[in-house]
Amino acid sequence: AALNRDVVARVRPVWMELMALPRA
């Protein structure tokens, strides 16, 4: 759980940026 929290914290900003882009 601790590792998953660390990974998600690192990845979440990139994920949010990616999801804001048009699907293409």
PDB file of all heavy atoms in Angstrom:
ATOM      1  N   ALA A   1       0.836  -1.204   0.000  1.00  0.00           N
ATOM      2  CA  ALA A   1       0.000   0.000   0.000  1.00  0.00           C
ATOM      3  C   ALA A   1       0.869   1.252   0.000  1.00  0.00           C
ATOM      4  O   ALA A   1       0.572   2.225  -0.700  1.00  0.00           O
ATOM      5  CB  ALA A   1      -0.936  -0.015   1.207  1.00  0.00           C
ATOM      6  N   ALA A   2       1.969   1.236   0.756  1.00  0.00           N
ATOM      7  CA  ALA A   2       2.857   2.398   0.815  1.00  0.00           C
ATOM      8  C   ALA A   2       3.514   2.646  -0.542  1.00  0.00           C
ATOM      9  O   ALA A   2       3.595   3.792  -0.995  1.00  0.00           O
ATOM     10  CB  ALA A   2       3.921   2.205   1.891  1.00  0.00           C
ATOM     11  N   LEU A   3       3.976   1.594  -1.186  1.00  0.00           N
ATOM     12  CA  LEU A   3       4.580   1.734  -2.508  1.00  0.00           C
ATOM     13  C   LEU A   3       3.553   2.254  -3.506  1.00  0.00           C
ATOM     14  O   LEU A   3       3.848   3.161  -4.282  1.00  0.00           O
ATOM     15  CB  LEU A   3       5.148   0.395  -2.989  1.00  0.00           C
ATOM     16  CG  LEU A   3       5.704   0.388  -4.416  1.00  0.00           C
ATOM     17  CD1 LEU A   3       6.887   1.340  -4.535  1.00  0.00           C
ATOM     18  CD2 LEU A   3       6.086  -1.010  -4.828  1.00  0.00           C
ATOM     19  N   ASN A   4       2.356   1.702  -3.486  1.00  0.00           N
ATOM     20  CA  ASN A   4       1.309   2.155  -4.398  1.00  0.00           C
ATOM     21  C   ASN A   4       0.990   3.629  -4.182  1.00  0.00           C
ATOM     22  O   ASN A   4       0.797   4.362  -5.154  1.00  0.00           O
ATOM     23  CB  ASN A   4       0.053   1.301  -4.251  1.00  0.00           C
ATOM     24  CG  ASN A   4       0.207  -0.068  -4.885  1.00  0.00           C
ATOM     25  OD1 ASN A   4       1.053  -0.272  -5.744  1.00  0.00           O
ATOM     26  ND2 ASN A   4      -0.611  -1.009  -4.457  1.00  0.00           N
ATOM     27  N   ARG A   5       0.942   4.083  -2.933  1.00  0.00           N
ATOM     28  CA  ARG A   5       0.690   5.508  -2.657  1.00  0.00           C
ATOM     29  C   ARG A   5       1.798   6.367  -3.239  1.00  0.00           C
ATOM     30  O   ARG A   5       1.533   7.405  -3.839  1.00  0.00           O
ATOM     31  CB  ARG A   5       0.565   5.758  -1.147  1.00  0.00           C
ATOM     32  CG  ARG A   5      -0.779   5.408  -0.567  1.00  0.00           C
ATOM     33  CD  ARG A   5      -0.930   5.920   0.855  1.00  0.00           C
ATOM     34  NE  ARG A   5       0.095   5.431   1.757  1.00  0.00           N
ATOM     35  CZ  ARG A   5       0.028   4.273   2.416  1.00  0.00           C
ATOM     36  NH1 ARG A   5      -1.026   3.495   2.282  1.00  0.00           N
ATOM     37  NH2 ARG A   5       1.006   3.903   3.212  1.00  0.00           N
ATOM     38  N   ASP A   6       3.040   5.939  -3.094  1.00  0.00           N
ATOM     39  CA  ASP A   6       4.174   6.698  -3.635  1.00  0.00           C
ATOM     40  C   ASP A   6       4.121   6.769  -5.158  1.00  0.00           C
ATOM     41  O   ASP A   6       4.354   7.823  -5.748  1.00  0.00           O
ATOM     42  CB  ASP A   6       5.505   6.081  -3.201  1.00  0.00           C
ATOM     43  CG  ASP A   6       5.792   6.268  -1.720  1.00  0.00           C
ATOM     44  OD1 ASP A   6       5.152   7.142  -1.082  1.00  0.00           O
ATOM     45  OD2 ASP A   6       6.643   5.538  -1.199  1.00  0.00           O
ATOM     46  N   VAL A   7       3.820   5.649  -5.784  1.00  0.00           N
ATOM     47  CA  VAL A   7       3.755   5.611  -7.244  1.00  0.00           C
ATOM     48  C   VAL A   7       2.611   6.489  -7.745  1.00  0.00           C
ATOM     49  O   VAL A   7       2.786   7.290  -8.667  1.00  0.00           O
ATOM     50  CB  VAL A   7       3.612   4.157  -7.751  1.00  0.00           C
ATOM     51  CG1 VAL A   7       3.278   4.127  -9.234  1.00  0.00           C
ATOM     52  CG2 VAL A   7       4.880   3.378  -7.457  1.00  0.00           C
ATOM     53  N   VAL A   8       1.454   6.366  -7.146  1.00  0.00           N
ATOM     54  CA  VAL A   8       0.301   7.165  -7.567  1.00  0.00           C
ATOM     55  C   VAL A   8       0.586   8.645  -7.362  1.00  0.00           C
ATOM     56  O   VAL A   8       0.250   9.475  -8.213  1.00  0.00           O
ATOM     57  CB  VAL A   8      -0.987   6.714  -6.841  1.00  0.00           C
ATOM     58  CG1 VAL A   8      -2.115   7.712  -7.051  1.00  0.00           C
ATOM     59  CG2 VAL A   8      -1.404   5.335  -7.321  1.00  0.00           C
ATOM     60  N   ALA A   9       1.248   9.016  -6.270  1.00  0.00           N
ATOM     61  CA  ALA A   9       1.579  10.429  -6.025  1.00  0.00           C
ATOM     62  C   ALA A   9       2.508  10.959  -7.118  1.00  0.00           C
ATOM     63  O   ALA A   9       2.375  12.107  -7.558  1.00  0.00           O
ATOM     64  CB  ALA A   9       2.221  10.591  -4.655  1.00  0.00           C
ATOM     65  N   ARG A  10       3.423  10.143  -7.585  1.00  0.00           N
ATOM     66  CA  ARG A  10       4.360  10.557  -8.644  1.00  0.00           C
ATOM     67  C   ARG A  10       3.675  10.626 -10.007  1.00  0.00           C
ATOM     68  O   ARG A  10       3.958  11.503 -10.821  1.00  0.00           O
ATOM     69  CB  ARG A  10       5.520   9.571  -8.691  1.00  0.00           C
ATOM     70  CG  ARG A  10       6.537   9.895  -9.735  1.00  0.00           C
ATOM     71  CD  ARG A  10       7.714   8.933  -9.660  1.00  0.00           C
ATOM     72  NE  ARG A  10       8.352   8.921 -10.960  1.00  0.00           N
ATOM     73  CZ  ARG A  10       8.786   7.860 -11.576  1.00  0.00           C
ATOM     74  NH1 ARG A  10       8.676   6.689 -11.007  1.00  0.00           N
ATOM     75  NH2 ARG A  10       9.351   7.942 -12.745  1.00  0.00           N
ATOM     76  N   VAL A  11       2.765   9.711 -10.250  1.00  0.00           N
ATOM     77  CA  VAL A  11       2.146   9.576 -11.563  1.00  0.00           C
ATOM     78  C   VAL A  11       0.914  10.473 -11.725  1.00  0.00           C
ATOM     79  O   VAL A  11       0.617  10.921 -12.833  1.00  0.00           O
ATOM     80  CB  VAL A  11       1.780   8.092 -11.806  1.00  0.00           C
ATOM     81  CG1 VAL A  11       0.960   7.911 -13.056  1.00  0.00           C
ATOM     82  CG2 VAL A  11       3.037   7.252 -11.867  1.00  0.00           C
ATOM     83  N   ARG A  12       0.212  10.770 -10.650  1.00  0.00           N
ATOM     84  CA  ARG A  12      -1.058  11.497 -10.749  1.00  0.00           C
ATOM     85  C   ARG A  12      -0.953  12.810 -11.532  1.00  0.00           C
ATOM     86  O   ARG A  12      -1.804  13.067 -12.391  1.00  0.00           O
ATOM     87  CB  ARG A  12      -1.669  11.756  -9.375  1.00  0.00           C
ATOM     88  CG  ARG A  12      -3.049  12.424  -9.509  1.00  0.00           C
ATOM     89  CD  ARG A  12      -3.885  12.357  -8.269  1.00  0.00           C
ATOM     90  NE  ARG A  12      -4.095  11.044  -7.715  1.00  0.00           N
ATOM     91  CZ  ARG A  12      -4.936  10.123  -8.200  1.00  0.00           C
ATOM     92  NH1 ARG A  12      -5.617  10.361  -9.283  1.00  0.00           N
ATOM     93  NH2 ARG A  12      -5.077   8.957  -7.608  1.00  0.00           N
ATOM     94  N   PRO A  13       0.059  13.671 -11.326  1.00  0.00           N
ATOM     95  CA  PRO A  13       0.117  14.912 -12.111  1.00  0.00           C
ATOM     96  C   PRO A  13       0.214  14.656 -13.619  1.00  0.00           C
ATOM     97  O   PRO A  13      -0.418  15.349 -14.420  1.00  0.00           O
ATOM     98  CB  PRO A  13       1.369  15.618 -11.598  1.00  0.00           C
ATOM     99  CG  PRO A  13       1.639  15.029 -10.270  1.00  0.00           C
ATOM    100  CD  PRO A  13       1.123  13.621 -10.318  1.00  0.00           C
ATOM    101  N   VAL A  14       0.979  13.652 -14.004  1.00  0.00           N
ATOM    102  CA  VAL A  14       1.105  13.305 -15.421  1.00  0.00           C
ATOM    103  C   VAL A  14      -0.219  12.760 -15.935  1.00  0.00           C
ATOM    104  O   VAL A  14      -0.661  13.090 -17.036  1.00  0.00           O
ATOM    105  CB  VAL A  14       2.245  12.286 -15.636  1.00  0.00           C
ATOM    106  CG1 VAL A  14       2.317  11.827 -17.082  1.00  0.00           C
ATOM    107  CG2 VAL A  14       3.564  12.879 -15.183  1.00  0.00           C
ATOM    108  N   TRP A  15      -0.872  11.951 -15.117  1.00  0.00           N
ATOM    109  CA  TRP A  15      -2.162  11.377 -15.496  1.00  0.00           C
ATOM    110  C   TRP A  15      -3.206  12.474 -15.708  1.00  0.00           C
ATOM    111  O   TRP A  15      -3.947  12.448 -16.699  1.00  0.00           O
ATOM    112  CB  TRP A  15      -2.630  10.409 -14.407  1.00  0.00           C
ATOM    113  CG  TRP A  15      -3.851   9.642 -14.785  1.00  0.00           C
ATOM    114  CD1 TRP A  15      -5.126   9.868 -14.370  1.00  0.00           C
ATOM    115  CD2 TRP A  15      -3.921   8.530 -15.668  1.00  0.00           C
ATOM    116  NE1 TRP A  15      -5.973   8.960 -14.931  1.00  0.00           N
ATOM    117  CE2 TRP A  15      -5.259   8.127 -15.736  1.00  0.00           C
ATOM    118  CE3 TRP A  15      -2.975   7.832 -16.412  1.00  0.00           C
ATOM    119  CZ2 TRP A  15      -5.679   7.057 -16.518  1.00  0.00           C
ATOM    120  CZ3 TRP A  15      -3.401   6.776 -17.180  1.00  0.00           C
ATOM    121  CH2 TRP A  15      -4.732   6.397 -17.228  1.00  0.00           C
ATOM    122  N   MET A  16      -3.242  13.438 -14.814  1.00  0.00           N
ATOM    123  CA  MET A  16      -4.215  14.529 -14.929  1.00  0.00           C
ATOM    124  C   MET A  16      -3.956  15.339 -16.201  1.00  0.00           C
ATOM    125  O   MET A  16      -4.896  15.718 -16.900  1.00  0.00           O
ATOM    126  CB  MET A  16      -4.169  15.422 -13.690  1.00  0.00           C
ATOM    127  CG  MET A  16      -4.537  14.711 -12.401  1.00  0.00           C
ATOM    128  SD  MET A  16      -6.162  13.950 -12.410  1.00  0.00           S
ATOM    129  CE  MET A  16      -7.177  15.394 -12.410  1.00  0.00           C
ATOM    130  N   GLU A  17      -2.694  15.598 -16.498  1.00  0.00           N
ATOM    131  CA  GLU A  17      -2.345  16.320 -17.722  1.00  0.00           C
ATOM    132  C   GLU A  17      -2.758  15.516 -18.953  1.00  0.00           C
ATOM    133  O   GLU A  17      -3.332  16.054 -19.903  1.00  0.00           O
ATOM    134  CB  GLU A  17      -0.843  16.593 -17.763  1.00  0.00           C
ATOM    135  CG  GLU A  17      -0.381  17.300 -19.013  1.00  0.00           C
ATOM    136  CD  GLU A  17       1.123  17.434 -19.083  1.00  0.00           C
ATOM    137  OE1 GLU A  17       1.776  17.527 -18.025  1.00  0.00           O
ATOM    138  OE2 GLU A  17       1.645  17.446 -20.204  1.00  0.00           O
ATOM    139  N   LEU A  18      -2.471  14.220 -18.934  1.00  0.00           N
ATOM    140  CA  LEU A  18      -2.828  13.347 -20.046  1.00  0.00           C
ATOM    141  C   LEU A  18      -4.342  13.337 -20.258  1.00  0.00           C
ATOM    142  O   LEU A  18      -4.819  13.469 -21.391  1.00  0.00           O
ATOM    143  CB  LEU A  18      -2.317  11.926 -19.790  1.00  0.00           C
ATOM    144  CG  LEU A  18      -2.633  10.886 -20.854  1.00  0.00           C
ATOM    145  CD1 LEU A  18      -1.857  11.175 -22.133  1.00  0.00           C
ATOM    146  CD2 LEU A  18      -2.324   9.495 -20.341  1.00  0.00           C
ATOM    147  N   MET A  19      -5.103  13.208 -19.197  1.00  0.00           N
ATOM    148  CA  MET A  19      -6.555  13.120 -19.309  1.00  0.00           C
ATOM    149  C   MET A  19      -7.178  14.432 -19.781  1.00  0.00           C
ATOM    150  O   MET A  19      -8.291  14.436 -20.317  1.00  0.00           O
ATOM    151  CB  MET A  19      -7.171  12.670 -17.981  1.00  0.00           C
ATOM    152  CG  MET A  19      -6.725  11.273 -17.551  1.00  0.00           C
ATOM    153  SD  MET A  19      -6.849  10.002 -18.831  1.00  0.00           S
ATOM    154  CE  MET A  19      -8.598   9.869 -19.012  1.00  0.00           C
ATOM    155  N   ALA A  20      -6.471  15.552 -19.610  1.00  0.00           N
ATOM    156  CA  ALA A  20      -6.980  16.852 -20.057  1.00  0.00           C
ATOM    157  C   ALA A  20      -6.800  17.050 -21.563  1.00  0.00           C
ATOM    158  O   ALA A  20      -7.411  17.942 -22.150  1.00  0.00           O
ATOM    159  CB  ALA A  20      -6.281  17.974 -19.296  1.00  0.00           C
ATOM    160  N   LEU A  21      -5.986  16.218 -22.182  1.00  0.00           N
ATOM    161  CA  LEU A  21      -5.736  16.331 -23.625  1.00  0.00           C
ATOM    162  C   LEU A  21      -6.900  15.737 -24.415  1.00  0.00           C
ATOM    163  O   LEU A  21      -7.619  14.869 -23.913  1.00  0.00           O
ATOM    164  CB  LEU A  21      -4.453  15.576 -23.995  1.00  0.00           C
ATOM    165  CG  LEU A  21      -3.149  16.109 -23.436  1.00  0.00           C
ATOM    166  CD1 LEU A  21      -2.020  15.132 -23.742  1.00  0.00           C
ATOM    167  CD2 LEU A  21      -2.849  17.485 -23.986  1.00  0.00           C
ATOM    168  N   PRO A  22      -7.048  16.160 -25.669  1.00  0.00           N
ATOM    169  CA  PRO A  22      -8.026  15.492 -26.532  1.00  0.00           C
ATOM    170  C   PRO A  22      -7.658  14.011 -26.685  1.00  0.00           C
ATOM    171  O   PRO A  22      -6.483  13.633 -26.612  1.00  0.00           O
ATOM    172  CB  PRO A  22      -7.884  16.213 -27.874  1.00  0.00           C
ATOM    173  CG  PRO A  22      -7.206  17.511 -27.566  1.00  0.00           C
ATOM    174  CD  PRO A  22      -6.364  17.263 -26.350  1.00  0.00           C
ATOM    175  N   ARG A  23      -8.659  13.194 -26.906  1.00  0.00           N
ATOM    176  CA  ARG A  23      -8.460  11.737 -26.981  1.00  0.00           C
ATOM    177  C   ARG A  23      -7.354  11.351 -27.977  1.00  0.00           C
ATOM    178  O   ARG A  23      -6.535  10.476 -27.687  1.00  0.00           O
ATOM    179  CB  ARG A  23      -9.785  11.073 -27.387  1.00  0.00           C
ATOM    180  CG  ARG A  23      -9.724   9.582 -27.464  1.00  0.00           C
ATOM    181  CD  ARG A  23     -10.083   8.980 -26.168  1.00  0.00           C
ATOM    182  NE  ARG A  23     -10.184   7.531 -26.302  1.00  0.00           N
ATOM    183  CZ  ARG A  23     -10.054   6.729 -25.290  1.00  0.00           C
ATOM    184  NH1 ARG A  23      -9.864   7.227 -24.101  1.00  0.00           N
ATOM    185  NH2 ARG A  23     -10.137   5.439 -25.444  1.00  0.00           N
ATOM    186  N   ALA A  24      -7.314  12.008 -29.125  1.00  0.00           N
ATOM    187  CA  ALA A  24      -6.297  11.677 -30.129  1.00  0.00           C
ATOM    188  C   ALA A  24      -4.889  11.914 -29.592  1.00  0.00           C
ATOM    189  O   ALA A  24      -3.982  11.102 -29.811  1.00  0.00           O
ATOM    190  CB  ALA A  24      -6.516  12.478 -31.412  1.00  0.00           C
TER     191      ALA A  24
END
